[in-house]
Amino acid sequence: MNNYEHRSDSWTINDIETARHFRDLGVDSITTDFPKRIREGLK
């Protein structure tokens, strides 16, 4: 997703399936209200 030296950030992602989708797209960061839950769900 990042071919132009720009960051791609996503927010506010609070469910694991959406976080997985954005991770798979290659975003640089995911902002969430539940960092521990999302981090565990992305392992």
PDB file of N, CA and C in Angstrom:
ATOM      1  N   MET A   1       0.815  -1.180   0.000  1.00  0.00           N
ATOM      2  CA  MET A   1       0.000   0.000   0.000  1.00  0.00           C
ATOM      3  C   MET A   1       0.865   1.252   0.000  1.00  0.00           C
ATOM      4  N   ASN A   2       2.075   1.146   0.467  1.00  0.00           N
ATOM      5  CA  ASN A   2       2.876   2.343   0.679  1.00  0.00           C
ATOM      6  C   ASN A   2       4.039   2.389  -0.309  1.00  0.00           C
ATOM      7  N   ASN A   3       3.761   2.810  -1.529  1.00  0.00           N
ATOM      8  CA  ASN A   3       4.797   2.887  -2.552  1.00  0.00           C
ATOM      9  C   ASN A   3       5.311   4.297  -2.783  1.00  0.00           C
ATOM     10  N   TYR A   4       4.776   5.278  -2.077  1.00  0.00           N
ATOM     11  CA  TYR A   4       5.090   6.666  -2.365  1.00  0.00           C
ATOM     12  C   TYR A   4       5.704   7.408  -1.190  1.00  0.00           C
ATOM     13  N   GLU A   5       6.305   6.693  -0.260  1.00  0.00           N
ATOM     14  CA  GLU A   5       6.945   7.282   0.911  1.00  0.00           C
ATOM     15  C   GLU A   5       5.982   8.119   1.752  1.00  0.00           C
ATOM     16  N   HIS A   6       4.730   7.706   1.794  1.00  0.00           N
ATOM     17  CA  HIS A   6       3.729   8.330   2.655  1.00  0.00           C
ATOM     18  C   HIS A   6       3.293   7.298   3.683  1.00  0.00           C
ATOM     19  N   ARG A   7       2.914   7.785   4.843  1.00  0.00           N
ATOM     20  CA  ARG A   7       2.377   6.895   5.872  1.00  0.00           C
ATOM     21  C   ARG A   7       0.891   6.697   5.627  1.00  0.00           C
ATOM     22  N   SER A   8       0.425   5.509   5.935  1.00  0.00           N
ATOM     23  CA  SER A   8      -1.013   5.253   5.900  1.00  0.00           C
ATOM     24  C   SER A   8      -1.421   4.785   7.292  1.00  0.00           C
ATOM     25  N   ASP A   9      -2.210   5.610   7.945  1.00  0.00           N
ATOM     26  CA  ASP A   9      -2.666   5.330   9.303  1.00  0.00           C
ATOM     27  C   ASP A   9      -4.172   5.085   9.275  1.00  0.00           C
ATOM     28  N   SER A  10      -4.637   4.240  10.161  1.00  0.00           N
ATOM     29  CA  SER A  10      -6.076   3.979  10.261  1.00  0.00           C
ATOM     30  C   SER A  10      -6.524   4.215  11.693  1.00  0.00           C
ATOM     31  N   TRP A  11      -7.707   4.752  11.846  1.00  0.00           N
ATOM     32  CA  TRP A  11      -8.264   4.972  13.173  1.00  0.00           C
ATOM     33  C   TRP A  11      -9.759   5.077  13.061  1.00  0.00           C
ATOM     34  N   THR A  12     -10.514   4.898  13.975  1.00  0.00           N
ATOM     35  CA  THR A  12     -10.328   4.165  15.210  1.00  0.00           C
ATOM     36  C   THR A  12     -10.858   2.755  14.959  1.00  0.00           C
ATOM     37  N   ILE A  13      -9.979   1.781  14.989  1.00  0.00           N
ATOM     38  CA  ILE A  13     -10.318   0.388  14.689  1.00  0.00           C
ATOM     39  C   ILE A  13     -10.419  -0.360  16.013  1.00  0.00           C
ATOM     40  N   ASN A  14     -11.633  -0.828  16.338  1.00  0.00           N
ATOM     41  CA  ASN A  14     -11.840  -1.478  17.631  1.00  0.00           C
ATOM     42  C   ASN A  14     -12.248  -2.945  17.530  1.00  0.00           C
ATOM     43  N   ASP A  15     -12.397  -3.484  16.322  1.00  0.00           N
ATOM     44  CA  ASP A  15     -12.693  -4.913  16.247  1.00  0.00           C
ATOM     45  C   ASP A  15     -11.579  -5.630  15.488  1.00  0.00           C
ATOM     46  N   ILE A  16     -11.353  -6.851  15.864  1.00  0.00           N
ATOM     47  CA  ILE A  16     -10.192  -7.601  15.397  1.00  0.00           C
ATOM     48  C   ILE A  16     -10.263  -7.885  13.896  1.00  0.00           C
ATOM     49  N   GLU A  17     -11.430  -8.224  13.375  1.00  0.00           N
ATOM     50  CA  GLU A  17     -11.535  -8.527  11.942  1.00  0.00           C
ATOM     51  C   GLU A  17     -11.173  -7.312  11.094  1.00  0.00           C
ATOM     52  N   THR A  18     -11.626  -6.141  11.493  1.00  0.00           N
ATOM     53  CA  THR A  18     -11.278  -4.926  10.753  1.00  0.00           C
ATOM     54  C   THR A  18      -9.795  -4.632  10.889  1.00  0.00           C
ATOM     55  N   ALA A  19      -9.245  -4.840  12.071  1.00  0.00           N
ATOM     56  CA  ALA A  19      -7.809  -4.630  12.277  1.00  0.00           C
ATOM     57  C   ALA A  19      -7.004  -5.572  11.391  1.00  0.00           C
ATOM     58  N   ARG A  20      -7.432  -6.819  11.271  1.00  0.00           N
ATOM     59  CA  ARG A  20      -6.737  -7.775  10.398  1.00  0.00           C
ATOM     60  C   ARG A  20      -6.804  -7.319   8.941  1.00  0.00           C
ATOM     61  N   HIS A  21      -7.958  -6.830   8.544  1.00  0.00           N
ATOM     62  CA  HIS A  21      -8.127  -6.350   7.172  1.00  0.00           C
ATOM     63  C   HIS A  21      -7.137  -5.224   6.868  1.00  0.00           C
ATOM     64  N   PHE A  22      -7.064  -4.234   7.755  1.00  0.00           N
ATOM     65  CA  PHE A  22      -6.160  -3.114   7.522  1.00  0.00           C
ATOM     66  C   PHE A  22      -4.698  -3.536   7.625  1.00  0.00           C
ATOM     67  N   ARG A  23      -4.391  -4.449   8.535  1.00  0.00           N
ATOM     68  CA  ARG A  23      -3.025  -4.979   8.608  1.00  0.00           C
ATOM     69  C   ARG A  23      -2.649  -5.646   7.291  1.00  0.00           C
ATOM     70  N   ASP A  24      -3.565  -6.445   6.758  1.00  0.00           N
ATOM     71  CA  ASP A  24      -3.300  -7.145   5.503  1.00  0.00           C
ATOM     72  C   ASP A  24      -3.168  -6.182   4.328  1.00  0.00           C
ATOM     73  N   LEU A  25      -3.807  -5.029   4.419  1.00  0.00           N
ATOM     74  CA  LEU A  25      -3.645  -4.000   3.389  1.00  0.00           C
ATOM     75  C   LEU A  25      -2.283  -3.328   3.479  1.00  0.00           C
ATOM     76  N   GLY A  26      -1.643  -3.436   4.655  1.00  0.00           N
ATOM     77  CA  GLY A  26      -0.301  -2.882   4.815  1.00  0.00           C
ATOM     78  C   GLY A  26      -0.244  -1.495   5.422  1.00  0.00           C
ATOM     79  N   VAL A  27      -1.274  -1.117   6.201  1.00  0.00           N
ATOM     80  CA  VAL A  27      -1.214   0.198   6.836  1.00  0.00           C
ATOM     81  C   VAL A  27      -0.026   0.267   7.785  1.00  0.00           C
ATOM     82  N   ASP A  28       0.454   1.477   8.020  1.00  0.00           N
ATOM     83  CA  ASP A  28       1.605   1.673   8.902  1.00  0.00           C
ATOM     84  C   ASP A  28       1.218   1.639  10.371  1.00  0.00           C
ATOM     85  N   SER A  29      -0.004   2.042  10.694  1.00  0.00           N
ATOM     86  CA  SER A  29      -0.421   2.016  12.094  1.00  0.00           C
ATOM     87  C   SER A  29      -1.931   1.869  12.188  1.00  0.00           C
ATOM     88  N   ILE A  30      -2.354   1.307  13.307  1.00  0.00           N
ATOM     89  CA  ILE A  30      -3.768   1.169  13.627  1.00  0.00           C
ATOM     90  C   ILE A  30      -3.976   1.826  14.978  1.00  0.00           C
ATOM     91  N   THR A  31      -4.866   2.791  15.021  1.00  0.00           N
ATOM     92  CA  THR A  31      -5.221   3.443  16.276  1.00  0.00           C
ATOM     93  C   THR A  31      -6.489   2.776  16.798  1.00  0.00           C
ATOM     94  N   THR A  32      -6.510   2.480  18.090  1.00  0.00           N
ATOM     95  CA  THR A  32      -7.632   1.765  18.687  1.00  0.00           C
ATOM     96  C   THR A  32      -7.841   2.216  20.126  1.00  0.00           C
ATOM     97  N   ASP A  33      -9.048   1.987  20.617  1.00  0.00           N
ATOM     98  CA  ASP A  33      -9.339   2.224  22.032  1.00  0.00           C
ATOM     99  C   ASP A  33      -8.946   1.019  22.882  1.00  0.00           C
ATOM    100  N   PHE A  34      -8.619  -0.105  22.235  1.00  0.00           N
ATOM    101  CA  PHE A  34      -8.330  -1.360  22.932  1.00  0.00           C
ATOM    102  C   PHE A  34      -7.026  -1.972  22.430  1.00  0.00           C
ATOM    103  N   PRO A  35      -5.885  -1.325  22.675  1.00  0.00           N
ATOM    104  CA  PRO A  35      -4.622  -1.799  22.102  1.00  0.00           C
ATOM    105  C   PRO A  35      -4.249  -3.224  22.501  1.00  0.00           C
ATOM    106  N   LYS A  36      -4.463  -3.603  23.735  1.00  0.00           N
ATOM    107  CA  LYS A  36      -4.081  -4.950  24.162  1.00  0.00           C
ATOM    108  C   LYS A  36      -4.908  -6.001  23.422  1.00  0.00           C
ATOM    109  N   ARG A  37      -6.209  -5.799  23.338  1.00  0.00           N
ATOM    110  CA  ARG A  37      -7.089  -6.754  22.656  1.00  0.00           C
ATOM    111  C   ARG A  37      -6.731  -6.860  21.168  1.00  0.00           C
ATOM    112  N   ILE A  38      -6.496  -5.735  20.516  1.00  0.00           N
ATOM    113  CA  ILE A  38      -6.158  -5.754  19.097  1.00  0.00           C
ATOM    114  C   ILE A  38      -4.793  -6.398  18.880  1.00  0.00           C
ATOM    115  N   ARG A  39      -3.823  -6.053  19.707  1.00  0.00           N
ATOM    116  CA  ARG A  39      -2.479  -6.636  19.578  1.00  0.00           C
ATOM    117  C   ARG A  39      -2.549  -8.156  19.716  1.00  0.00           C
ATOM    118  N   GLU A  40      -3.298  -8.645  20.708  1.00  0.00           N
ATOM    119  CA  GLU A  40      -3.438 -10.092  20.901  1.00  0.00           C
ATOM    120  C   GLU A  40      -4.145 -10.736  19.709  1.00  0.00           C
ATOM    121  N   GLY A  41      -5.151 -10.054  19.173  1.00  0.00           N
ATOM    122  CA  GLY A  41      -5.908 -10.602  18.052  1.00  0.00           C
ATOM    123  C   GLY A  41      -5.130 -10.641  16.755  1.00  0.00           C
ATOM    124  N   LEU A  42      -4.076  -9.841  16.650  1.00  0.00           N
ATOM    125  CA  LEU A  42      -3.282  -9.799  15.431  1.00  0.00           C
ATOM    126  C   LEU A  42      -2.086 -10.741  15.468  1.00  0.00           C
ATOM    127  N   LYS A  43      -1.908 -11.463  16.557  1.00  0.00           N
ATOM    128  CA  LYS A  43      -0.780 -12.406  16.646  1.00  0.00           C
ATOM    129  C   LYS A  43      -1.025 -13.604  15.768  1.00  0.00           C
TER     130      LYS A  43
END
